Amino acid sequence: MPWIQFTISSSEEHAPQVGDMLMGNGAQAVTYRDGEDNPIFEPKAGEVTYWQHTLVTGLFDAACDINAITQRLSQAALFRDNFQYKVDGLEDKDWEREWMDNFHPIQCADNLWICPTWREVPDPNAVNVMLDPGMAFGTGTHPTTALCLNWLAQQDLSGKRVIDFGCGSGILAIAALLLGAEQAIGIDIDQQALKASRENAERNGVSDRLQVYLPEQQPEVNAEVVVANVLAGPLRELNQNVLALVAERGKIAMSGILARQADDVQAAYQAQISFAPVVQREDWVLLSGERVS
């Protein structure tokens, strides 16, 4: 079924109200996006944050009377004399197929590839992580994931235990196992992430060596190698939880950190971690080091 997108330009203050108005006029869904170039990378936990200039888009069935909806909205007191809107047609597509068509194998290191399960493997002799992220974060396309994968590929993981803090799709834990780790543990707050990690582990033949847990269920255990690809805020706030996962003389790599946040994250760990030089890709950095106390 074709759709109509009705987008209204709004202030930050009024964006939620505009969204409610669109829903009240029959929108099937409402989305909010940045109307300028002021990205919000890291809102506080539980906080819903809008942009100073927010574009609010309602998705309507093409059979609706969009002219009548426009007339009703234009008369709302909220807009007064400043009703800026745009109407676009949206053809129906197989959106899952659309996404799959644009997800290609990614080379993360000389001998490490992330391969969608529906694509051919470019290099059968390489370490190939066969991935279907499902509803979880982690496809290898984001710079932070690529930074962590490249770091893992440089480590001697033979016989070691690896903990993937914020495991998402399981991409880092599974890569570590395929690169020689003996055991991996994935930790995530999202049940969908744990489900995706288990399924991807089965696809890669390592399900017997990967265990996944919600934080409140994880055993008291540490590892020679810890990777944490989350965000700067949680890494700072949960620094003692993360440090408890790192064995003495163990190694840690952290990402999900913007370059401007690197000093603050390092400060939360520097008493116990001896840091290597920062590695940067685009606006994102990888912090890595060894536990010394």
C-alpha atoms as a PDB file:
ATOM      1  CA  MET A   1       0.000   0.000   0.000  1.00  0.00           C
ATOM      2  CA  PRO A   2       1.443   3.439  -0.878  1.00  0.00           C
ATOM      3  CA  TRP A   3       1.851   5.960   1.916  1.00  0.00           C
ATOM      4  CA  ILE A   4       1.953   9.719   2.433  1.00  0.00           C
ATOM      5  CA  GLN A   5       4.574  11.433   4.599  1.00  0.00           C
ATOM      6  CA  PHE A   6       3.390  14.667   6.195  1.00  0.00           C
ATOM      7  CA  THR A   7       6.331  16.590   7.702  1.00  0.00           C
ATOM      8  CA  ILE A   8       5.933  19.655   9.919  1.00  0.00           C
ATOM      9  CA  SER A   9       8.750  21.965  10.978  1.00  0.00           C
ATOM     10  CA  SER A  10       8.625  22.445  14.744  1.00  0.00           C
ATOM     11  CA  SER A  11      10.501  23.926  17.673  1.00  0.00           C
ATOM     12  CA  GLU A  12      12.021  21.632  20.290  1.00  0.00           C
ATOM     13  CA  GLU A  13       9.397  22.718  22.819  1.00  0.00           C
ATOM     14  CA  HIS A  14       6.415  21.902  20.632  1.00  0.00           C
ATOM     15  CA  ALA A  15       7.666  18.733  18.866  1.00  0.00           C
ATOM     16  CA  PRO A  16       5.834  16.242  21.160  1.00  0.00           C
ATOM     17  CA  GLN A  17       2.583  18.191  20.776  1.00  0.00           C
ATOM     18  CA  VAL A  18       2.961  18.239  16.983  1.00  0.00           C
ATOM     19  CA  GLY A  19       3.485  14.477  17.033  1.00  0.00           C
ATOM     20  CA  ASP A  20       0.313  14.032  19.101  1.00  0.00           C
ATOM     21  CA  MET A  21      -1.626  16.167  16.606  1.00  0.00           C
ATOM     22  CA  LEU A  22      -0.445  14.033  13.697  1.00  0.00           C
ATOM     23  CA  MET A  23      -1.459  10.861  15.525  1.00  0.00           C
ATOM     24  CA  GLY A  24      -4.799  12.434  16.371  1.00  0.00           C
ATOM     25  CA  ASN A  25      -5.397  13.040  12.674  1.00  0.00           C
ATOM     26  CA  GLY A  26      -4.809   9.403  11.754  1.00  0.00           C
ATOM     27  CA  ALA A  27      -1.048   9.002  11.337  1.00  0.00           C
ATOM     28  CA  GLN A  28       0.023   5.349  11.524  1.00  0.00           C
ATOM     29  CA  ALA A  29       3.422   6.331  12.916  1.00  0.00           C
ATOM     30  CA  VAL A  30       5.344   9.478  13.856  1.00  0.00           C
ATOM     31  CA  THR A  31       9.097  10.071  13.658  1.00  0.00           C
ATOM     32  CA  TYR A  32      11.274  12.963  14.843  1.00  0.00           C
ATOM     33  CA  ARG A  33      14.541  14.018  13.231  1.00  0.00           C
ATOM     34  CA  ASP A  34      17.088  16.806  13.264  1.00  0.00           C
ATOM     35  CA  GLY A  35      16.039  19.731  11.066  1.00  0.00           C
ATOM     36  CA  GLU A  36      19.557  21.147  10.990  1.00  0.00           C
ATOM     37  CA  ASP A  37      22.946  19.673  11.823  1.00  0.00           C
ATOM     38  CA  ASN A  38      22.853  19.389  15.600  1.00  0.00           C
ATOM     39  CA  PRO A  39      23.061  15.652  16.341  1.00  0.00           C
ATOM     40  CA  ILE A  40      22.239  14.345  19.814  1.00  0.00           C
ATOM     41  CA  PHE A  41      24.662  11.478  20.324  1.00  0.00           C
ATOM     42  CA  GLU A  42      24.036  10.605  23.930  1.00  0.00           C
ATOM     43  CA  PRO A  43      20.878  11.607  25.820  1.00  0.00           C
ATOM     44  CA  LYS A  44      20.707  10.675  29.469  1.00  0.00           C
ATOM     45  CA  ALA A  45      19.123   7.354  30.384  1.00  0.00           C
ATOM     46  CA  GLY A  46      15.341   7.542  30.163  1.00  0.00           C
ATOM     47  CA  GLU A  47      15.450  11.026  28.644  1.00  0.00           C
ATOM     48  CA  VAL A  48      13.625  11.868  25.406  1.00  0.00           C
ATOM     49  CA  THR A  49      15.450  14.737  23.693  1.00  0.00           C
ATOM     50  CA  TYR A  50      14.352  16.735  20.667  1.00  0.00           C
ATOM     51  CA  TRP A  51      16.295  19.138  18.496  1.00  0.00           C
ATOM     52  CA  GLN A  52      16.017  22.929  18.543  1.00  0.00           C
ATOM     53  CA  HIS A  53      14.662  22.625  15.012  1.00  0.00           C
ATOM     54  CA  THR A  54      12.776  19.326  14.810  1.00  0.00           C
ATOM     55  CA  LEU A  55      11.102  17.812  11.769  1.00  0.00           C
ATOM     56  CA  VAL A  56       8.056  15.791  12.824  1.00  0.00           C
ATOM     57  CA  THR A  57       6.808  13.323  10.198  1.00  0.00           C
ATOM     58  CA  GLY A  58       3.515  11.479  10.247  1.00  0.00           C
ATOM     59  CA  LEU A  59       2.960   8.427   8.045  1.00  0.00           C
ATOM     60  CA  PHE A  60      -0.558   8.311   6.548  1.00  0.00           C
ATOM     61  CA  ASP A  61      -2.417   5.824   4.401  1.00  0.00           C
ATOM     62  CA  ALA A  62      -2.562   7.214   0.845  1.00  0.00           C
ATOM     63  CA  ALA A  63      -6.344   6.724   0.891  1.00  0.00           C
ATOM     64  CA  CYS A  64      -6.774   9.397   3.568  1.00  0.00           C
ATOM     65  CA  ASP A  65      -8.032  12.917   2.781  1.00  0.00           C
ATOM     66  CA  ILE A  66      -4.696  14.689   3.150  1.00  0.00           C
ATOM     67  CA  ASN A  67      -6.199  18.039   2.120  1.00  0.00           C
ATOM     68  CA  ALA A  68      -8.673  17.913   4.967  1.00  0.00           C
ATOM     69  CA  ILE A  69      -5.891  16.952   7.403  1.00  0.00           C
ATOM     70  CA  THR A  70      -3.767  19.851   6.164  1.00  0.00           C
ATOM     71  CA  GLN A  71      -6.666  22.260   6.629  1.00  0.00           C
ATOM     72  CA  ARG A  72      -7.318  21.091  10.195  1.00  0.00           C
ATOM     73  CA  LEU A  73      -3.662  21.302  11.171  1.00  0.00           C
ATOM     74  CA  SER A  74      -3.201  24.747   9.622  1.00  0.00           C
ATOM     75  CA  GLN A  75      -5.947  26.107  11.879  1.00  0.00           C
ATOM     76  CA  ALA A  76      -4.340  24.878  15.093  1.00  0.00           C
ATOM     77  CA  ALA A  77      -3.440  27.694  17.493  1.00  0.00           C
ATOM     78  CA  LEU A  78      -0.029  26.109  18.010  1.00  0.00           C
ATOM     79  CA  PHE A  79       1.131  27.140  14.533  1.00  0.00           C
ATOM     80  CA  ARG A  80      -0.387  30.627  14.417  1.00  0.00           C
ATOM     81  CA  ASP A  81       1.088  32.195  11.267  1.00  0.00           C
ATOM     82  CA  ASN A  82       4.052  29.802  10.966  1.00  0.00           C
ATOM     83  CA  PHE A  83       2.739  26.529   9.559  1.00  0.00           C
ATOM     84  CA  GLN A  84       5.642  25.026   7.591  1.00  0.00           C
ATOM     85  CA  TYR A  85       4.951  21.594   6.170  1.00  0.00           C
ATOM     86  CA  LYS A  86       5.790  19.238   3.326  1.00  0.00           C
ATOM     87  CA  VAL A  87       3.814  16.350   1.823  1.00  0.00           C
ATOM     88  CA  ASP A  88       5.578  13.479   0.026  1.00  0.00           C
ATOM     89  CA  GLY A  89       4.423  10.209  -1.484  1.00  0.00           C
ATOM     90  CA  LEU A  90       6.120   7.038  -0.295  1.00  0.00           C
ATOM     91  CA  GLU A  91       5.861   3.916  -2.431  1.00  0.00           C
ATOM     92  CA  ASP A  92       5.384   0.635  -0.676  1.00  0.00           C
ATOM     93  CA  LYS A  93       8.534  -1.497  -0.546  1.00  0.00           C
ATOM     94  CA  ASP A  94       9.781  -4.670   0.988  1.00  0.00           C
ATOM     95  CA  TRP A  95      11.780  -2.748   3.599  1.00  0.00           C
ATOM     96  CA  GLU A  96      13.507  -5.850   4.962  1.00  0.00           C
ATOM     97  CA  ARG A  97      14.683  -6.694   1.448  1.00  0.00           C
ATOM     98  CA  GLU A  98      15.746  -3.076   0.906  1.00  0.00           C
ATOM     99  CA  TRP A  99      17.958  -3.191   4.005  1.00  0.00           C
ATOM    100  CA  MET A 100      19.398  -6.578   3.114  1.00  0.00           C
ATOM    101  CA  ASP A 101      20.339  -5.416  -0.382  1.00  0.00           C
ATOM    102  CA  ASN A 102      22.457  -2.633   1.112  1.00  0.00           C
ATOM    103  CA  PHE A 103      24.325  -4.730   3.674  1.00  0.00           C
ATOM    104  CA  HIS A 104      27.502  -6.069   2.028  1.00  0.00           C
ATOM    105  CA  PRO A 105      30.517  -8.004   3.358  1.00  0.00           C
ATOM    106  CA  ILE A 106      32.902  -5.751   5.270  1.00  0.00           C
ATOM    107  CA  GLN A 107      36.631  -6.302   5.648  1.00  0.00           C
ATOM    108  CA  CYS A 108      37.635  -5.287   9.185  1.00  0.00           C
ATOM    109  CA  ALA A 109      41.248  -6.467   9.150  1.00  0.00           C
ATOM    110  CA  ASP A 110      43.597  -8.253   6.767  1.00  0.00           C
ATOM    111  CA  ASN A 111      42.110 -11.631   7.614  1.00  0.00           C
ATOM    112  CA  LEU A 112      38.731 -10.740   9.140  1.00  0.00           C
ATOM    113  CA  TRP A 113      35.424 -10.187   7.335  1.00  0.00           C
ATOM    114  CA  ILE A 114      31.870  -9.586   8.525  1.00  0.00           C
ATOM    115  CA  CYS A 115      29.539 -11.288   6.056  1.00  0.00           C
ATOM    116  CA  PRO A 116      25.731 -11.096   5.935  1.00  0.00           C
ATOM    117  CA  THR A 117      24.345 -14.600   5.923  1.00  0.00           C
ATOM    118  CA  TRP A 118      22.597 -13.970   2.580  1.00  0.00           C
ATOM    119  CA  ARG A 119      25.815 -12.911   0.751  1.00  0.00           C
ATOM    120  CA  GLU A 120      28.668 -14.936  -0.720  1.00  0.00           C
ATOM    121  CA  VAL A 121      31.886 -14.953   1.281  1.00  0.00           C
ATOM    122  CA  PRO A 122      34.535 -12.852  -0.548  1.00  0.00           C
ATOM    123  CA  ASP A 123      37.518 -14.741   0.922  1.00  0.00           C
ATOM    124  CA  PRO A 124      36.850 -18.334   2.025  1.00  0.00           C
ATOM    125  CA  ASN A 125      40.330 -18.515   3.579  1.00  0.00           C
ATOM    126  CA  ALA A 126      39.736 -15.549   5.903  1.00  0.00           C
ATOM    127  CA  VAL A 127      38.023 -15.499   9.302  1.00  0.00           C
ATOM    128  CA  ASN A 128      34.429 -14.859   8.272  1.00  0.00           C
ATOM    129  CA  VAL A 129      31.810 -13.862  10.824  1.00  0.00           C
ATOM    130  CA  MET A 130      28.440 -14.800   9.321  1.00  0.00           C
ATOM    131  CA  LEU A 131      25.996 -12.278  10.698  1.00  0.00           C
ATOM    132  CA  ASP A 132      22.282 -11.555  10.836  1.00  0.00           C
ATOM    133  CA  PRO A 133      21.846  -8.799  13.443  1.00  0.00           C
ATOM    134  CA  GLY A 134      18.082  -9.221  13.726  1.00  0.00           C
ATOM    135  CA  MET A 135      16.747  -6.567  16.121  1.00  0.00           C
ATOM    136  CA  ALA A 136      20.108  -6.032  17.847  1.00  0.00           C
ATOM    137  CA  PHE A 137      22.838  -3.437  17.383  1.00  0.00           C
ATOM    138  CA  GLY A 138      25.992  -4.441  15.544  1.00  0.00           C
ATOM    139  CA  THR A 139      26.556  -5.080  11.839  1.00  0.00           C
ATOM    140  CA  GLY A 140      30.171  -3.978  11.527  1.00  0.00           C
ATOM    141  CA  THR A 141      29.261  -0.910   9.481  1.00  0.00           C
ATOM    142  CA  HIS A 142      29.593   1.608  12.306  1.00  0.00           C
ATOM    143  CA  PRO A 143      33.112   3.009  12.926  1.00  0.00           C
ATOM    144  CA  THR A 144      33.051   1.960  16.583  1.00  0.00           C
ATOM    145  CA  THR A 145      32.386  -1.696  15.736  1.00  0.00           C
ATOM    146  CA  ALA A 146      35.074  -1.614  13.065  1.00  0.00           C
ATOM    147  CA  LEU A 147      37.549  -0.160  15.580  1.00  0.00           C
ATOM    148  CA  CYS A 148      36.832  -2.961  18.053  1.00  0.00           C
ATOM    149  CA  LEU A 149      37.042  -5.686  15.411  1.00  0.00           C
ATOM    150  CA  ASN A 150      40.348  -4.373  14.117  1.00  0.00           C
ATOM    151  CA  TRP A 151      41.698  -4.301  17.671  1.00  0.00           C
ATOM    152  CA  LEU A 152      40.561  -7.877  18.329  1.00  0.00           C
ATOM    153  CA  ALA A 153      42.241  -9.043  15.129  1.00  0.00           C
ATOM    154  CA  GLN A 154      45.562  -7.712  16.458  1.00  0.00           C
ATOM    155  CA  GLN A 155      45.369  -9.588  19.774  1.00  0.00           C
ATOM    156  CA  ASP A 156      46.660 -13.034  20.631  1.00  0.00           C
ATOM    157  CA  LEU A 157      43.380 -14.579  21.754  1.00  0.00           C
ATOM    158  CA  SER A 158      44.476 -18.187  21.748  1.00  0.00           C
ATOM    159  CA  GLY A 159      43.081 -20.014  24.768  1.00  0.00           C
ATOM    160  CA  LYS A 160      41.734 -16.815  26.338  1.00  0.00           C
ATOM    161  CA  ARG A 161      38.342 -15.861  27.739  1.00  0.00           C
ATOM    162  CA  VAL A 162      36.736 -12.753  26.219  1.00  0.00           C
ATOM    163  CA  ILE A 163      33.902 -10.693  27.698  1.00  0.00           C
ATOM    164  CA  ASP A 164      31.780  -8.590  25.325  1.00  0.00           C
ATOM    165  CA  PHE A 165      30.105  -5.902  27.456  1.00  0.00           C
ATOM    166  CA  GLY A 166      27.050  -4.643  25.530  1.00  0.00           C
ATOM    167  CA  CYS A 167      27.186  -7.519  23.069  1.00  0.00           C
ATOM    168  CA  GLY A 168      24.315  -6.499  20.749  1.00  0.00           C
ATOM    169  CA  SER A 169      24.315  -8.943  17.829  1.00  0.00           C
ATOM    170  CA  GLY A 170      27.269 -10.830  19.350  1.00  0.00           C
ATOM    171  CA  ILE A 171      29.561  -9.657  16.571  1.00  0.00           C
ATOM    172  CA  LEU A 172      32.604  -8.974  18.792  1.00  0.00           C
ATOM    173  CA  ALA A 173      32.284 -12.093  20.947  1.00  0.00           C
ATOM    174  CA  ILE A 174      31.847 -14.334  17.896  1.00  0.00           C
ATOM    175  CA  ALA A 175      34.747 -12.693  16.065  1.00  0.00           C
ATOM    176  CA  ALA A 176      36.930 -13.292  19.121  1.00  0.00           C
ATOM    177  CA  LEU A 177      35.994 -16.977  19.194  1.00  0.00           C
ATOM    178  CA  LEU A 178      36.717 -17.388  15.486  1.00  0.00           C
ATOM    179  CA  LEU A 179      40.045 -15.610  16.031  1.00  0.00           C
ATOM    180  CA  GLY A 180      41.072 -18.221  18.596  1.00  0.00           C
ATOM    181  CA  ALA A 181      39.503 -17.358  21.945  1.00  0.00           C
ATOM    182  CA  GLU A 182      38.551 -20.368  24.053  1.00  0.00           C
ATOM    183  CA  GLN A 183      35.403 -18.899  25.593  1.00  0.00           C
ATOM    184  CA  ALA A 184      33.315 -15.735  25.263  1.00  0.00           C
ATOM    185  CA  ILE A 185      30.685 -14.162  27.474  1.00  0.00           C
ATOM    186  CA  GLY A 186      28.210 -11.612  26.147  1.00  0.00           C
ATOM    187  CA  ILE A 187      26.412  -9.177  28.448  1.00  0.00           C
ATOM    188  CA  ASP A 188      23.539  -6.927  27.377  1.00  0.00           C
ATOM    189  CA  ILE A 189      20.468  -5.291  28.888  1.00  0.00           C
ATOM    190  CA  ASP A 190      18.324  -6.232  25.887  1.00  0.00           C
ATOM    191  CA  GLN A 191      16.768  -9.688  25.524  1.00  0.00           C
ATOM    192  CA  GLN A 192      16.679  -9.195  21.723  1.00  0.00           C
ATOM    193  CA  ALA A 193      20.457  -8.775  21.798  1.00  0.00           C
ATOM    194  CA  LEU A 194      20.935 -12.000  23.720  1.00  0.00           C
ATOM    195  CA  LYS A 195      18.644 -13.817  21.280  1.00  0.00           C
ATOM    196  CA  ALA A 196      20.544 -12.440  18.259  1.00  0.00           C
ATOM    197  CA  SER A 197      23.892 -13.340  19.855  1.00  0.00           C
ATOM    198  CA  ARG A 198      22.808 -16.936  20.439  1.00  0.00           C
ATOM    199  CA  GLU A 199      21.478 -17.303  16.888  1.00  0.00           C
ATOM    200  CA  ASN A 200      24.597 -15.797  15.325  1.00  0.00           C
ATOM    201  CA  ALA A 201      26.791 -18.041  17.472  1.00  0.00           C
ATOM    202  CA  GLU A 202      24.933 -21.049  16.088  1.00  0.00           C
ATOM    203  CA  ARG A 203      25.421 -19.796  12.509  1.00  0.00           C
ATOM    204  CA  ASN A 204      29.154 -19.586  13.130  1.00  0.00           C
ATOM    205  CA  GLY A 205      29.499 -22.915  14.908  1.00  0.00           C
ATOM    206  CA  VAL A 206      30.604 -21.425  18.238  1.00  0.00           C
ATOM    207  CA  SER A 207      27.417 -21.652  20.308  1.00  0.00           C
ATOM    208  CA  ASP A 208      29.039 -24.150  22.671  1.00  0.00           C
ATOM    209  CA  ARG A 209      31.673 -21.541  23.608  1.00  0.00           C
ATOM    210  CA  LEU A 210      29.465 -18.450  23.980  1.00  0.00           C
ATOM    211  CA  GLN A 211      27.365 -17.683  27.042  1.00  0.00           C
ATOM    212  CA  VAL A 212      25.113 -14.615  27.217  1.00  0.00           C
ATOM    213  CA  TYR A 213      23.581 -12.904  30.237  1.00  0.00           C
ATOM    214  CA  LEU A 214      21.536  -9.964  31.363  1.00  0.00           C
ATOM    215  CA  PRO A 215      23.660  -7.829  33.755  1.00  0.00           C
ATOM    216  CA  GLU A 216      21.715  -8.945  36.821  1.00  0.00           C
ATOM    217  CA  GLN A 217      22.236 -12.606  35.887  1.00  0.00           C
ATOM    218  CA  GLN A 218      25.906 -12.587  34.946  1.00  0.00           C
ATOM    219  CA  PRO A 219      28.241 -14.700  37.092  1.00  0.00           C
ATOM    220  CA  GLU A 220      31.140 -13.184  39.010  1.00  0.00           C
ATOM    221  CA  VAL A 221      33.835 -13.750  36.446  1.00  0.00           C
ATOM    222  CA  ASN A 222      36.646 -11.855  34.802  1.00  0.00           C
ATOM    223  CA  ALA A 223      38.543 -12.288  31.550  1.00  0.00           C
ATOM    224  CA  GLU A 224      41.915 -11.772  29.944  1.00  0.00           C
ATOM    225  CA  VAL A 225      40.235  -9.668  27.244  1.00  0.00           C
ATOM    226  CA  VAL A 226      37.247  -7.320  27.605  1.00  0.00           C
ATOM    227  CA  VAL A 227      35.598  -5.311  24.822  1.00  0.00           C
ATOM    228  CA  ALA A 228      32.912  -2.714  25.535  1.00  0.00           C
ATOM    229  CA  ASN A 229      31.329  -0.989  22.556  1.00  0.00           C
ATOM    230  CA  VAL A 230      28.587   1.021  24.222  1.00  0.00           C
ATOM    231  CA  LEU A 231      28.559   4.794  24.891  1.00  0.00           C
ATOM    232  CA  ALA A 232      30.745   7.186  26.840  1.00  0.00           C
ATOM    233  CA  GLY A 233      28.115   7.841  29.527  1.00  0.00           C
ATOM    234  CA  PRO A 234      27.602   4.206  30.567  1.00  0.00           C
ATOM    235  CA  LEU A 235      31.346   3.571  30.360  1.00  0.00           C
ATOM    236  CA  ARG A 236      31.988   6.394  32.828  1.00  0.00           C
ATOM    237  CA  GLU A 237      29.103   5.602  35.148  1.00  0.00           C
ATOM    238  CA  LEU A 238      29.706   1.836  35.159  1.00  0.00           C
ATOM    239  CA  ASN A 239      33.484   1.997  35.283  1.00  0.00           C
ATOM    240  CA  GLN A 240      33.742  -0.166  38.406  1.00  0.00           C
ATOM    241  CA  ASN A 241      31.449  -2.797  36.881  1.00  0.00           C
ATOM    242  CA  VAL A 242      33.529  -2.859  33.708  1.00  0.00           C
ATOM    243  CA  LEU A 243      36.856  -2.920  35.568  1.00  0.00           C
ATOM    244  CA  ALA A 244      35.639  -5.881  37.629  1.00  0.00           C
ATOM    245  CA  LEU A 245      35.407  -7.870  34.396  1.00  0.00           C
ATOM    246  CA  VAL A 246      39.095  -7.349  33.526  1.00  0.00           C
ATOM    247  CA  ALA A 247      41.547  -9.873  34.961  1.00  0.00           C
ATOM    248  CA  GLU A 248      44.877  -8.712  36.382  1.00  0.00           C
ATOM    249  CA  ARG A 249      47.125  -7.835  33.429  1.00  0.00           C
ATOM    250  CA  GLY A 250      44.075  -8.313  31.227  1.00  0.00           C
ATOM    251  CA  LYS A 251      43.415  -6.125  28.199  1.00  0.00           C
ATOM    252  CA  ILE A 252      40.438  -3.882  27.553  1.00  0.00           C
ATOM    253  CA  ALA A 253      39.137  -2.012  24.514  1.00  0.00           C
ATOM    254  CA  MET A 254      36.301   0.527  24.737  1.00  0.00           C
ATOM    255  CA  SER A 255      34.466   2.382  21.994  1.00  0.00           C
ATOM    256  CA  GLY A 256      31.188   4.130  21.327  1.00  0.00           C
ATOM    257  CA  ILE A 257      33.169   7.195  22.387  1.00  0.00           C
ATOM    258  CA  LEU A 258      33.373  10.482  20.504  1.00  0.00           C
ATOM    259  CA  ALA A 259      36.810  12.071  20.272  1.00  0.00           C
ATOM    260  CA  ARG A 260      35.717  14.941  22.526  1.00  0.00           C
ATOM    261  CA  GLN A 261      34.658  12.428  25.211  1.00  0.00           C
ATOM    262  CA  ALA A 262      37.893  10.437  25.280  1.00  0.00           C
ATOM    263  CA  ASP A 263      39.604  12.335  28.114  1.00  0.00           C
ATOM    264  CA  ASP A 264      36.605  11.958  30.441  1.00  0.00           C
ATOM    265  CA  VAL A 265      36.360   8.218  29.826  1.00  0.00           C
ATOM    266  CA  GLN A 266      40.096   7.741  30.298  1.00  0.00           C
ATOM    267  CA  ALA A 267      39.948   9.658  33.572  1.00  0.00           C
ATOM    268  CA  ALA A 268      37.400   7.172  34.920  1.00  0.00           C
ATOM    269  CA  TYR A 269      39.784   4.260  34.295  1.00  0.00           C
ATOM    270  CA  GLN A 270      43.320   5.635  34.444  1.00  0.00           C
ATOM    271  CA  ALA A 271      43.960   4.589  38.055  1.00  0.00           C
ATOM    272  CA  GLN A 272      43.781   0.945  37.005  1.00  0.00           C
ATOM    273  CA  ILE A 273      44.358   0.915  33.239  1.00  0.00           C
ATOM    274  CA  SER A 274      47.579   1.771  31.432  1.00  0.00           C
ATOM    275  CA  PHE A 275      46.289   3.184  28.157  1.00  0.00           C
ATOM    276  CA  ALA A 276      47.754   2.729  24.687  1.00  0.00           C
ATOM    277  CA  PRO A 277      47.592   5.620  22.190  1.00  0.00           C
ATOM    278  CA  VAL A 278      44.065   6.571  21.174  1.00  0.00           C
ATOM    279  CA  VAL A 279      42.901   5.235  17.798  1.00  0.00           C
ATOM    280  CA  GLN A 280      40.414   7.389  15.890  1.00  0.00           C
ATOM    281  CA  ARG A 281      38.115   6.725  12.950  1.00  0.00           C
ATOM    282  CA  GLU A 282      35.933   9.601  11.760  1.00  0.00           C
ATOM    283  CA  ASP A 283      34.547  11.246  14.935  1.00  0.00           C
ATOM    284  CA  TRP A 284      34.884   8.099  17.049  1.00  0.00           C
ATOM    285  CA  VAL A 285      37.759   6.687  19.100  1.00  0.00           C
ATOM    286  CA  LEU A 286      38.924   3.397  20.560  1.00  0.00           C
ATOM    287  CA  LEU A 287      40.524   3.442  24.029  1.00  0.00           C
ATOM    288  CA  SER A 288      42.558   0.346  24.840  1.00  0.00           C
ATOM    289  CA  GLY A 289      45.003  -0.680  27.499  1.00  0.00           C
ATOM    290  CA  GLU A 290      46.093  -3.161  30.160  1.00  0.00           C
ATOM    291  CA  ARG A 291      44.925  -3.503  33.738  1.00  0.00           C
ATOM    292  CA  VAL A 292      47.843  -2.733  36.060  1.00  0.00           C
ATOM    293  CA  SER A 293      46.145  -2.715  39.463  1.00  0.00           C
END
